[in-house]
Amino acid sequence: MEPYFGDSAQSWLAEYILPFKSDYDTSLDNGYDGIIFINFSLEGLRRIVSTLKLGKTGFSFIITNQGNIVSYPSSGVMGKNIHNLTGSHQLLSIISKHMDTNKLIKFKHPIHGRECWLTLERIAGTNAILGAVILADELRDYSFSQDKVEKLILFFLLVFLVTLFALIVRQNSLIHYWVQLSTVIAIFLFGYLIYLWYSELTQHIATEHDSIQVVDTEGLNTILRNRKLITQQKNRRSLKLNAFSNKDVRVGIYIQAMQFLDANNIEVTGKIWQQSDITQIKETPDFIIANAQTITWKKIHEYQGYSLWYFNATLRQPFSHTTFPFDTENVRIKFLPKLHQKSLRLIPDFTGYSELSPDTLPGVSHDLIVNGWQLTKSYFSYREPEPQVTLGRPEQLSILDEPQLQFNLQVQREITGPIITHIFPILVVSLLIFCILMLWSKCEQQVSLWGFSTSMVLEYCAALFFILVISHVSLREALQAKGMIYLEFFYFITYVMIIITATCAVLYTSVISIHFLDYQESFIPKLIYWPSFFGSCVLVTLIQFW
């Protein structure tokens, strides 16, 4: 029989009825002699299904043969028919279309657009459907992703084209042949470098490894359920039998203004609301913004069980800037219940947003502009609890062990400014170094015409080095960098080019005869200059972004 919800048991029940025959009357041909009847609760099966390991936000569900939902992360659809919910629930609509499919289905999540996997299987004996929805990114191994494969394929394609050019092209002059080959290699390397930059700018922005993105009720309930199981296991190990139950409080945020005060401080202005008891007047929320250095609250109003505040906060958040100028940062607003709120658990108020897709920037004003940055995504997430102190109150351990709700705003640096202020000057200095290299000659007529001398080379190299050092120092001061920055390697490459040029100039004009420098008036250093420069840049980029 079709499972049904039992009012007395307050759970879903399944019944089996099987007629049987007996020869107690010495005959088996006179029809059935009785029935075997059994009914049992599906609650145990639901608990088993809910413990399946399906990634951080993956979940399982059970649907009867008639379409009634027996088990699902969102309690609001329990007991309803899936075919009647397709208009209001996009994910259930996708599941409904594939209920008769027995193979793995790949689809784009209707909210965040990431690839998901759907698998369905009939439960033997009940004819009900056991299904699972899994986020593909949570199970894939990204140690060798498709993006890396594409980079390698293009690199070997360029090597093949250069080799083909070297074999096909023939010149009467060996000098002209090597010049053309060097030019082709330099152009290909520069083009490959531009491709790597473009790939880094347009690549998919992933969430942080220590937080779980949540954009729908299914993912939210899955995260809370998994955390509840972990807490129960800890309580059993520590013999805590009276663990308190959490009270869910909905929280929402709307950012109206934001600016970077410096490399690690951000000022944020906007509105925050929370679900509250209408019998209590609250001047401030029941939570704090954990990473705020300073914050001011101004209550706006209370309406239908919600309280609304205007806030202005200065957030302190360290940014690495290691991939500057292609860095993408995640501005986090961390919500943490106040210590006296023992049973408070903060959850996102999804009903307060018309769109939940991270690409549509829910919770962010469409008029928000951040100088030097481009807004890319916004979403709620849960972050694993950080090591905390109890301030002499051991009973707070269970509160601090809860995952922390945070609102994330991903921003990507606009590349135009750094190109003009840093990359373009580096290219200009490199071109001037090459021009100095082209002046090398031991012909008296050319020396008198161009004014080539060791002192001249050293003076120009010192001037160019001084210009680069000033730009380099200003970069580190602006970013307050603690480690190495990607763009710094370009400065170091240019420094090496300056040092090599100055050193070779001294050796070239000395009495020491070096074939590498003397051949055709330093033809070899001039030949390998640009391939060496762009090759070093490509190598550094591959190592940094691999």
Protein backbone atom coordinates (compact mmCIF):
# COMPACT_ATOMS: atom_id res chain seq x y z
CA MET A 1 0.00 0.00 0.00
CA GLU A 2 0.96 3.63 -0.51
CA PRO A 3 2.65 5.09 2.60
CA TYR A 4 0.49 7.57 4.51
CA PHE A 5 0.85 9.97 7.42
CA GLY A 6 -0.56 8.55 10.64
CA ASP A 7 -2.22 11.19 12.84
CA SER A 8 -1.86 9.12 16.01
CA ALA A 9 1.76 8.12 15.41
CA GLN A 10 2.61 11.55 13.95
CA SER A 11 4.87 9.91 11.38
CA TRP A 12 4.77 8.28 7.98
CA LEU A 13 3.63 4.65 8.00
CA ALA A 14 3.95 1.85 5.49
CA GLU A 15 1.62 -1.15 5.45
CA TYR A 16 2.01 -4.57 3.89
CA ILE A 17 -0.99 -6.88 3.33
CA LEU A 18 -0.42 -10.33 1.89
CA PRO A 19 -3.17 -12.97 1.51
CA PHE A 20 -2.28 -16.60 2.10
CA LYS A 21 -3.74 -20.03 1.52
CA SER A 22 -3.73 -22.99 3.93
CA ASP A 23 -4.69 -26.65 3.76
CA TYR A 24 -6.13 -26.78 7.27
CA ASP A 25 -9.45 -27.73 5.65
CA THR A 26 -7.65 -30.25 3.36
CA SER A 27 -8.19 -28.01 0.34
CA LEU A 28 -6.13 -25.26 -1.30
CA ASP A 29 -8.60 -24.53 -4.06
CA ASN A 30 -11.31 -22.82 -2.05
CA GLY A 31 -9.75 -19.36 -2.01
CA TYR A 32 -7.59 -17.47 0.48
CA ASP A 33 -7.75 -18.48 4.10
CA GLY A 34 -6.43 -15.27 5.66
CA ILE A 35 -4.12 -12.27 5.34
CA ILE A 36 -0.80 -11.25 6.83
CA PHE A 37 -0.78 -7.59 7.91
CA ILE A 38 2.09 -5.47 9.15
CA ASN A 39 2.63 -1.73 9.46
CA PHE A 40 5.73 0.16 10.54
CA SER A 41 7.00 3.73 10.79
CA LEU A 42 9.27 5.18 8.11
CA GLU A 43 10.92 7.47 10.66
CA GLY A 44 13.81 5.06 11.10
CA LEU A 45 14.33 4.91 7.36
CA ARG A 46 14.29 8.72 7.21
CA ARG A 47 16.97 8.89 9.91
CA ILE A 48 19.15 6.43 8.02
CA VAL A 49 18.70 8.36 4.78
CA SER A 50 19.58 11.66 6.47
CA THR A 51 22.96 10.28 7.61
CA LEU A 52 24.20 9.54 4.09
CA LYS A 53 27.52 11.28 3.33
CA LEU A 54 26.75 13.37 0.25
CA GLY A 55 29.17 16.26 0.61
CA LYS A 56 28.66 19.43 2.61
CA THR A 57 25.30 20.45 1.11
CA GLY A 58 24.18 17.29 -0.72
CA PHE A 59 21.00 15.66 0.56
CA SER A 60 18.81 12.61 0.08
CA PHE A 61 15.02 12.26 -0.06
CA ILE A 62 12.24 9.67 -0.32
CA ILE A 63 9.18 10.04 -2.55
CA THR A 64 6.37 7.51 -2.78
CA ASN A 65 5.25 5.98 -6.06
CA GLN A 66 2.33 8.43 -6.16
CA GLY A 67 4.62 11.41 -5.64
CA ASN A 68 4.11 12.10 -1.93
CA ILE A 69 7.23 13.45 -0.24
CA VAL A 70 8.16 11.28 2.75
CA SER A 71 11.65 12.61 3.48
CA TYR A 72 13.14 15.93 2.38
CA PRO A 73 15.41 18.58 3.99
CA SER A 74 12.69 21.26 3.82
CA SER A 75 9.95 20.42 6.30
CA GLY A 76 7.47 22.71 4.54
CA VAL A 77 6.97 20.21 1.70
CA MET A 78 6.68 17.07 3.83
CA GLY A 79 3.55 15.07 3.04
CA LYS A 80 2.76 17.08 -0.10
CA ASN A 81 2.71 15.76 -3.62
CA ILE A 82 5.77 16.70 -5.67
CA HIS A 83 3.70 17.19 -8.83
CA ASN A 84 1.72 19.95 -7.10
CA LEU A 85 4.84 21.86 -6.03
CA THR A 86 6.68 22.21 -9.32
CA GLY A 87 5.52 25.78 -9.85
CA SER A 88 6.82 27.13 -6.54
CA HIS A 89 9.91 24.94 -6.02
CA GLN A 90 12.39 24.95 -8.90
CA LEU A 91 14.54 22.13 -7.53
CA LEU A 92 11.52 19.88 -6.94
CA SER A 93 10.41 20.64 -10.48
CA ILE A 94 13.70 19.24 -11.81
CA ILE A 95 13.37 16.14 -9.62
CA SER A 96 9.78 15.61 -10.76
CA LYS A 97 10.78 15.58 -14.44
CA HIS A 98 13.28 12.76 -13.91
CA MET A 99 11.41 10.50 -11.47
CA ASP A 100 11.28 7.68 -14.02
CA THR A 101 14.98 7.94 -14.91
CA ASN A 102 17.39 5.32 -13.60
CA LYS A 103 20.65 6.95 -14.67
CA LEU A 104 22.74 9.79 -13.27
CA ILE A 105 21.32 13.18 -14.25
CA LYS A 106 23.51 16.28 -14.46
CA PHE A 107 21.84 19.68 -14.19
CA LYS A 108 22.51 23.29 -13.24
CA HIS A 109 21.18 24.33 -9.86
CA PRO A 110 18.28 26.75 -10.42
CA ILE A 111 19.64 29.25 -7.88
CA HIS A 112 23.44 29.29 -7.85
CA GLY A 113 23.90 27.71 -11.29
CA ARG A 114 26.59 25.22 -10.25
CA GLU A 115 26.59 21.68 -11.60
CA CYS A 116 24.62 19.14 -9.57
CA TRP A 117 24.07 15.41 -9.86
CA LEU A 118 20.73 13.69 -9.33
CA THR A 119 20.40 9.94 -8.85
CA LEU A 120 17.16 8.01 -8.26
CA GLU A 121 16.58 4.39 -7.27
CA ARG A 122 13.49 2.35 -6.44
CA ILE A 123 13.32 0.92 -2.91
CA ALA A 124 12.67 -2.80 -3.11
CA GLY A 125 9.34 -3.88 -1.68
CA THR A 126 7.86 -0.36 -1.34
CA ASN A 127 8.17 0.92 -4.90
CA ALA A 128 9.10 4.28 -3.34
CA ILE A 129 11.97 6.33 -4.75
CA LEU A 130 15.20 7.03 -2.91
CA GLY A 131 17.01 10.01 -4.42
CA ALA A 132 20.10 12.09 -3.80
CA VAL A 133 21.16 15.56 -4.96
CA ILE A 134 24.92 16.16 -4.88
CA LEU A 135 26.89 19.28 -5.66
CA ALA A 136 29.52 18.15 -8.18
CA ASP A 137 32.18 20.61 -6.97
CA GLU A 138 32.17 19.02 -3.51
CA LEU A 139 33.16 15.59 -4.83
CA ARG A 140 35.45 16.49 -7.71
CA ASP A 141 39.23 16.41 -7.39
CA TYR A 142 40.56 19.79 -8.52
CA SER A 143 44.23 18.83 -8.32
CA PHE A 144 44.18 18.64 -12.12
CA SER A 145 41.18 20.57 -13.38
CA GLN A 146 39.98 21.25 -16.90
CA ASP A 147 41.47 24.75 -16.75
CA LYS A 148 44.94 23.28 -16.18
CA VAL A 149 44.47 20.83 -19.03
CA GLU A 150 43.55 23.69 -21.39
CA LYS A 151 46.66 25.64 -20.35
CA LEU A 152 48.90 22.65 -21.02
CA ILE A 153 47.28 21.90 -24.38
CA LEU A 154 47.73 25.48 -25.55
CA PHE A 155 51.34 25.52 -24.33
CA PHE A 156 52.26 22.37 -26.25
CA LEU A 157 50.37 23.70 -29.27
CA LEU A 158 52.58 26.81 -29.22
CA VAL A 159 55.69 24.63 -28.90
CA PHE A 160 54.50 22.62 -31.90
CA LEU A 161 53.88 25.76 -33.98
CA VAL A 162 57.30 27.21 -33.15
CA THR A 163 58.97 23.91 -34.04
CA LEU A 164 57.02 23.77 -37.29
CA PHE A 165 58.06 27.33 -38.12
CA ALA A 166 61.70 26.52 -37.40
CA LEU A 167 61.59 23.51 -39.72
CA ILE A 168 59.67 25.09 -42.60
CA VAL A 169 61.08 28.60 -42.83
CA ARG A 170 64.34 28.91 -44.73
CA GLN A 171 66.45 32.07 -45.11
CA ASN A 172 69.54 32.77 -47.15
CA SER A 173 71.03 34.55 -44.16
CA LEU A 174 71.42 32.64 -40.92
CA ILE A 175 71.18 35.93 -39.00
CA HIS A 176 67.77 36.69 -40.51
CA TYR A 177 66.56 33.17 -39.77
CA TRP A 178 67.39 33.42 -36.05
CA VAL A 179 65.92 36.92 -35.81
CA GLN A 180 62.64 35.72 -37.27
CA LEU A 181 62.58 32.66 -35.02
CA SER A 182 63.32 34.79 -31.94
CA THR A 183 60.57 37.22 -32.92
CA VAL A 184 58.01 34.42 -33.38
CA ILE A 185 58.90 32.84 -30.03
CA ALA A 186 58.62 36.20 -28.24
CA ILE A 187 55.23 36.94 -29.83
CA PHE A 188 53.89 33.47 -28.98
CA LEU A 189 55.08 33.75 -25.36
CA PHE A 190 53.56 37.21 -24.99
CA GLY A 191 50.28 35.97 -26.44
CA TYR A 192 50.31 32.97 -24.09
CA LEU A 193 50.94 35.32 -21.16
CA ILE A 194 47.90 37.41 -22.16
CA TYR A 195 45.85 34.19 -22.33
CA LEU A 196 46.93 33.19 -18.82
CA TRP A 197 45.93 36.60 -17.51
CA TYR A 198 42.56 36.44 -19.26
CA SER A 199 41.98 32.93 -17.92
CA GLU A 200 42.70 34.09 -14.39
CA LEU A 201 40.32 37.03 -14.73
CA THR A 202 37.43 34.93 -16.03
CA GLN A 203 37.87 31.77 -14.02
CA HIS A 204 35.16 30.47 -11.69
CA ILE A 205 35.41 32.04 -8.22
CA ALA A 206 35.17 29.36 -5.63
CA THR A 207 34.04 29.70 -2.08
CA GLU A 208 36.43 29.50 0.83
CA HIS A 209 37.55 26.07 1.91
CA ASP A 210 36.54 26.62 5.54
CA SER A 211 32.99 27.82 4.81
CA ILE A 212 29.90 26.29 3.20
CA GLN A 213 27.82 28.35 0.80
CA VAL A 214 24.08 28.23 1.47
CA VAL A 215 21.54 29.67 -0.99
CA ASP A 216 18.37 27.65 -0.38
CA THR A 217 16.41 25.95 2.39
CA GLU A 218 17.55 22.48 1.30
CA GLY A 219 21.21 23.38 1.75
CA LEU A 220 20.50 25.24 4.99
CA ASN A 221 18.62 22.34 6.57
CA THR A 222 21.28 19.87 5.43
CA ILE A 223 24.04 21.92 7.07
CA LEU A 224 22.09 22.30 10.32
CA ARG A 225 21.20 18.59 10.36
CA ASN A 226 24.82 17.55 9.84
CA ARG A 227 25.94 19.90 12.59
CA LYS A 228 23.27 18.52 14.91
CA LEU A 229 24.59 14.98 14.36
CA ILE A 230 28.15 16.13 15.13
CA THR A 231 26.96 17.87 18.31
CA GLN A 232 25.05 14.78 19.43
CA GLN A 233 28.14 12.63 18.95
CA LYS A 234 30.24 15.07 20.99
CA ASN A 235 27.61 15.16 23.72
CA ARG A 236 27.54 11.37 23.92
CA ARG A 237 31.33 11.21 24.16
CA SER A 238 31.39 13.88 26.87
CA LEU A 239 28.31 12.41 28.65
CA LYS A 240 26.34 15.64 28.23
CA LEU A 241 22.75 14.48 28.55
CA ASN A 242 21.05 17.86 28.97
CA ALA A 243 22.24 19.72 25.93
CA PHE A 244 19.98 22.67 25.19
CA SER A 245 17.93 22.95 22.02
CA ASN A 246 18.59 25.77 19.60
CA LYS A 247 16.17 28.52 18.78
CA ASP A 248 16.41 29.54 15.14
CA VAL A 249 16.40 33.29 14.52
CA ARG A 250 16.23 34.62 10.97
CA VAL A 251 18.74 37.32 10.03
CA GLY A 252 19.01 39.47 6.90
CA ILE A 253 21.35 42.19 5.65
CA TYR A 254 21.27 44.86 2.95
CA ILE A 255 24.54 46.65 2.12
CA GLN A 256 24.13 50.20 0.80
CA ALA A 257 27.70 51.52 0.85
CA MET A 258 31.20 50.07 1.16
CA GLN A 259 34.71 51.40 0.77
CA PHE A 260 38.23 50.13 1.38
CA LEU A 261 39.84 52.43 3.95
CA ASP A 262 43.21 50.76 3.39
CA ALA A 263 44.54 47.35 2.43
CA ASN A 264 42.91 45.54 5.39
CA ASN A 265 40.06 47.76 6.65
CA ILE A 266 36.63 48.14 5.09
CA GLU A 267 33.80 50.48 6.03
CA VAL A 268 30.32 49.01 5.48
CA THR A 269 26.98 50.78 5.79
CA GLY A 270 23.53 49.29 5.42
CA LYS A 271 20.55 47.71 7.16
CA ILE A 272 20.20 44.54 9.21
CA TRP A 273 17.02 42.87 10.37
CA GLN A 274 16.28 39.95 12.65
CA GLN A 275 13.27 37.94 13.67
CA SER A 276 12.35 39.01 17.20
CA ASP A 277 9.77 38.69 19.92
CA ILE A 278 7.26 41.55 19.58
CA THR A 279 6.89 41.66 23.40
CA GLN A 280 10.54 42.66 23.81
CA ILE A 281 11.96 46.00 22.74
CA LYS A 282 15.51 45.61 21.43
CA GLU A 283 17.78 48.59 20.83
CA THR A 284 20.49 46.35 19.36
CA PRO A 285 20.32 42.89 17.77
CA ASP A 286 20.83 39.64 19.68
CA PHE A 287 24.12 39.15 17.88
CA ILE A 288 27.34 40.99 17.20
CA ILE A 289 29.43 41.43 14.06
CA ALA A 290 32.48 39.53 15.19
CA ASN A 291 35.05 41.11 12.86
CA ALA A 292 33.93 44.73 13.37
CA GLN A 293 36.43 47.06 15.00
CA THR A 294 33.81 49.75 15.51
CA ILE A 295 30.07 49.65 14.90
CA THR A 296 27.10 51.94 15.48
CA TRP A 297 23.44 50.86 15.54
CA LYS A 298 20.34 52.94 14.95
CA LYS A 299 16.99 51.26 15.31
CA ILE A 300 14.52 52.04 12.53
CA HIS A 301 11.34 50.15 13.46
CA GLU A 302 9.70 46.87 14.45
CA TYR A 303 7.09 45.27 12.22
CA GLN A 304 5.33 41.90 12.23
CA GLY A 305 7.87 40.09 14.36
CA TYR A 306 10.96 41.67 12.78
CA SER A 307 13.30 44.40 14.01
CA LEU A 308 15.24 46.60 11.59
CA TRP A 309 18.45 48.54 12.29
CA TYR A 310 20.69 50.90 10.38
CA PHE A 311 24.38 50.11 10.97
CA ASN A 312 27.80 51.47 10.13
CA ALA A 313 30.78 49.20 10.79
CA THR A 314 34.51 49.21 10.19
CA LEU A 315 35.61 45.65 9.44
CA ARG A 316 39.14 44.46 10.05
CA GLN A 317 40.01 41.66 7.67
CA PRO A 318 43.45 40.62 6.44
CA PHE A 319 43.78 40.15 2.68
CA SER A 320 46.71 38.27 1.15
CA HIS A 321 46.96 40.14 -2.20
CA THR A 322 49.33 37.38 -3.35
CA THR A 323 47.81 37.32 -6.85
CA PHE A 324 47.73 41.11 -7.33
CA PRO A 325 46.58 42.52 -9.72
CA PHE A 326 44.36 39.51 -10.46
CA ASP A 327 43.22 39.04 -6.88
CA THR A 328 39.67 38.27 -5.83
CA GLU A 329 38.76 38.97 -2.23
CA ASN A 330 35.87 37.86 -0.05
CA VAL A 331 34.58 40.56 2.30
CA ARG A 332 33.03 38.73 5.25
CA ILE A 333 30.49 40.00 7.76
CA LYS A 334 30.50 37.49 10.63
CA PHE A 335 27.42 37.17 12.82
CA LEU A 336 27.92 35.76 16.32
CA PRO A 337 25.23 35.43 19.02
CA LYS A 338 25.81 37.36 22.20
CA LEU A 339 27.10 35.23 25.04
CA HIS A 340 23.94 35.59 27.13
CA GLN A 341 21.84 34.20 24.25
CA LYS A 342 22.26 30.54 25.17
CA SER A 343 19.94 28.91 22.65
CA LEU A 344 20.22 31.30 19.72
CA ARG A 345 21.08 29.91 16.30
CA LEU A 346 21.28 32.39 13.43
CA ILE A 347 19.93 31.37 10.03
CA PRO A 348 19.57 33.42 6.82
CA ASP A 349 16.17 34.99 6.15
CA PHE A 350 15.74 33.83 2.55
CA THR A 351 12.20 35.26 2.46
CA GLY A 352 13.66 38.77 2.59
CA TYR A 353 15.24 38.50 -0.87
CA SER A 354 13.54 38.32 -4.25
CA GLU A 355 16.63 36.64 -5.80
CA LEU A 356 19.05 34.25 -4.10
CA SER A 357 21.45 33.53 -6.96
CA PRO A 358 24.92 34.78 -5.90
CA ASP A 359 25.44 36.33 -9.34
CA THR A 360 22.45 38.67 -8.82
CA LEU A 361 24.07 40.12 -5.66
CA PRO A 362 21.26 39.52 -3.13
CA GLY A 363 21.55 41.81 -0.12
CA VAL A 364 23.57 44.41 -2.03
CA SER A 365 22.30 47.72 -3.38
CA HIS A 366 22.45 47.94 -7.17
CA ASP A 367 23.82 51.48 -6.77
CA LEU A 368 26.81 50.29 -4.74
CA ILE A 369 30.16 51.20 -6.34
CA VAL A 370 33.51 50.31 -4.81
CA ASN A 371 36.40 52.22 -6.36
CA GLY A 372 38.95 49.90 -7.93
CA TRP A 373 36.83 46.80 -7.41
CA GLN A 374 34.07 44.97 -9.26
CA LEU A 375 31.27 43.25 -7.34
CA THR A 376 30.90 39.62 -8.48
CA LYS A 377 28.87 37.60 -5.96
CA SER A 378 27.11 37.78 -2.62
CA TYR A 379 25.77 34.93 -0.51
CA PHE A 380 25.37 33.56 3.00
CA SER A 381 27.60 30.81 4.28
CA TYR A 382 28.41 28.90 7.42
CA ARG A 383 31.95 28.89 8.68
CA GLU A 384 33.40 26.22 10.92
CA PRO A 385 33.67 27.49 14.52
CA GLU A 386 36.98 29.04 15.43
CA PRO A 387 38.81 28.20 18.68
CA GLN A 388 37.23 30.35 21.37
CA VAL A 389 37.59 31.05 25.07
CA THR A 390 34.66 30.68 27.45
CA LEU A 391 35.52 33.72 29.60
CA GLY A 392 35.18 31.59 32.71
CA ARG A 393 31.78 30.20 31.68
CA PRO A 394 32.16 26.55 30.60
CA GLU A 395 28.47 26.35 29.70
CA GLN A 396 29.21 28.53 26.69
CA LEU A 397 31.21 25.77 25.00
CA SER A 398 28.18 24.39 23.20
CA ILE A 399 27.29 27.86 21.90
CA LEU A 400 30.77 28.60 20.60
CA ASP A 401 30.87 25.19 18.91
CA GLU A 402 28.04 26.15 16.55
CA PRO A 403 28.93 27.07 12.94
CA GLN A 404 29.12 30.82 12.40
CA LEU A 405 26.78 32.51 9.96
CA GLN A 406 28.45 35.05 7.70
CA PHE A 407 27.49 37.20 4.75
CA ASN A 408 30.01 37.21 1.92
CA LEU A 409 30.58 39.82 -0.76
CA GLN A 410 33.10 38.73 -3.39
CA VAL A 411 34.94 41.53 -5.17
CA GLN A 412 37.44 41.34 -8.02
CA ARG A 413 40.07 43.98 -8.58
CA GLU A 414 39.67 46.06 -11.72
CA ILE A 415 42.71 45.40 -13.87
CA THR A 416 42.88 48.76 -15.70
CA GLY A 417 44.53 50.71 -12.88
CA PRO A 418 47.34 48.22 -12.13
CA ILE A 419 48.09 47.81 -15.86
CA ILE A 420 48.62 51.56 -16.25
CA THR A 421 50.51 52.13 -13.01
CA HIS A 422 52.65 48.97 -12.82
CA ILE A 423 52.62 46.60 -15.80
CA PHE A 424 52.96 49.28 -18.48
CA PRO A 425 56.00 50.97 -16.78
CA ILE A 426 57.69 47.55 -16.45
CA LEU A 427 57.23 46.94 -20.19
CA VAL A 428 58.54 50.42 -21.00
CA VAL A 429 61.64 49.93 -18.83
CA SER A 430 62.24 46.53 -20.43
CA LEU A 431 62.00 48.12 -23.87
CA LEU A 432 64.52 50.82 -22.87
CA ILE A 433 66.92 48.15 -21.62
CA PHE A 434 66.64 46.43 -25.00
CA CYS A 435 67.31 49.75 -26.73
CA ILE A 436 70.47 50.13 -24.64
CA LEU A 437 71.44 46.62 -25.65
CA MET A 438 70.94 47.47 -29.33
CA LEU A 439 73.50 50.31 -29.02
CA TRP A 440 76.34 47.90 -28.24
CA SER A 441 79.06 48.06 -30.83
CA LYS A 442 82.84 48.09 -31.11
CA CYS A 443 82.79 49.84 -34.47
CA GLU A 444 84.37 53.26 -33.96
CA GLN A 445 81.99 54.94 -36.40
CA GLN A 446 78.89 53.59 -34.63
CA VAL A 447 80.36 54.27 -31.20
CA SER A 448 80.96 57.91 -32.12
CA LEU A 449 77.45 58.12 -33.59
CA TRP A 450 75.56 56.45 -30.74
CA GLY A 451 77.85 57.35 -27.89
CA PHE A 452 78.08 53.80 -26.57
CA SER A 453 80.30 53.32 -23.55
CA THR A 454 80.33 51.32 -20.34
CA SER A 455 79.68 54.41 -18.24
CA MET A 456 76.70 55.32 -20.41
CA VAL A 457 75.16 51.83 -19.96
CA LEU A 458 75.72 51.91 -16.20
CA GLU A 459 74.16 55.39 -15.88
CA TYR A 460 71.06 54.39 -17.81
CA CYS A 461 70.73 51.10 -15.92
CA ALA A 462 71.02 52.91 -12.59
CA ALA A 463 68.35 55.43 -13.62
CA LEU A 464 65.94 52.71 -14.76
CA PHE A 465 66.60 50.69 -11.61
CA PHE A 466 65.82 53.73 -9.45
CA ILE A 467 62.50 54.27 -11.25
CA LEU A 468 61.49 50.63 -10.72
CA VAL A 469 62.46 50.64 -7.05
CA ILE A 470 60.23 53.65 -6.34
CA SER A 471 57.27 51.98 -8.08
CA HIS A 472 57.99 48.67 -6.32
CA VAL A 473 58.13 50.23 -2.85
CA SER A 474 54.93 52.18 -3.41
CA LEU A 475 53.19 48.94 -4.43
CA ARG A 476 54.13 47.14 -1.22
CA GLU A 477 53.20 50.11 0.94
CA ALA A 478 49.80 50.46 -0.72
CA LEU A 479 48.97 46.78 -0.22
CA GLN A 480 50.69 46.46 3.17
CA ALA A 481 52.06 43.20 1.83
CA LYS A 482 53.46 40.59 4.20
CA GLY A 483 54.58 38.03 1.64
CA MET A 484 55.50 37.87 -2.00
CA ILE A 485 53.07 39.39 -4.53
CA TYR A 486 52.65 38.02 -8.05
CA LEU A 487 53.45 41.34 -9.73
CA GLU A 488 56.67 41.62 -7.72
CA PHE A 489 58.17 38.79 -9.74
CA PHE A 490 57.93 41.01 -12.82
CA TYR A 491 59.93 43.65 -10.98
CA PHE A 492 62.53 41.02 -10.04
CA ILE A 493 62.73 39.77 -13.62
CA THR A 494 63.35 43.34 -14.79
CA TYR A 495 65.96 43.82 -12.05
CA VAL A 496 67.77 40.72 -13.31
CA MET A 497 67.65 42.06 -16.88
CA ILE A 498 69.19 45.36 -15.71
CA ILE A 499 71.95 43.58 -13.76
CA ILE A 500 72.76 41.22 -16.63
CA THR A 501 72.85 44.10 -19.10
CA ALA A 502 75.19 46.17 -16.91
CA THR A 503 77.45 43.19 -16.20
CA CYS A 504 77.65 42.16 -19.85
CA ALA A 505 78.42 45.76 -20.84
CA VAL A 506 81.43 45.77 -18.54
CA LEU A 507 82.63 42.41 -19.87
CA TYR A 508 81.96 43.41 -23.50
CA THR A 509 84.19 46.49 -23.29
CA SER A 510 86.89 44.79 -21.25
CA VAL A 511 89.96 42.99 -22.54
CA ILE A 512 88.33 39.66 -21.81
CA SER A 513 87.17 37.93 -24.97
CA ILE A 514 83.83 36.13 -24.58
CA HIS A 515 82.38 34.57 -27.71
CA PHE A 516 78.82 34.83 -26.35
CA LEU A 517 79.20 38.63 -26.23
CA ASP A 518 81.62 39.25 -29.10
CA TYR A 519 79.80 37.28 -31.82
CA GLN A 520 78.35 39.72 -34.37
CA GLU A 521 78.50 42.62 -31.86
CA SER A 522 76.48 40.90 -29.06
CA PHE A 523 74.03 39.32 -31.46
CA ILE A 524 73.19 36.43 -29.09
CA PRO A 525 72.18 38.60 -26.06
CA LYS A 526 70.05 40.75 -28.36
CA LEU A 527 68.51 37.63 -29.89
CA ILE A 528 67.45 35.96 -26.64
CA TYR A 529 66.41 39.09 -24.74
CA TRP A 530 62.64 39.09 -25.42
CA PRO A 531 62.18 35.28 -25.40
CA SER A 532 63.99 35.19 -22.04
CA PHE A 533 61.92 38.05 -20.62
CA PHE A 534 58.50 36.74 -21.69
CA GLY A 535 59.50 33.15 -20.99
CA SER A 536 60.35 34.10 -17.39
CA CYS A 537 57.02 35.92 -17.07
CA VAL A 538 55.11 32.88 -18.37
CA LEU A 539 56.99 30.55 -16.02
CA VAL A 540 56.24 32.72 -12.99
CA THR A 541 52.57 32.99 -13.99
CA LEU A 542 52.18 29.23 -14.42
CA ILE A 543 53.75 28.57 -11.02
CA GLN A 544 51.68 31.26 -9.28
CA PHE A 545 48.29 30.31 -10.73
CA TRP A 546 48.74 26.56 -11.04
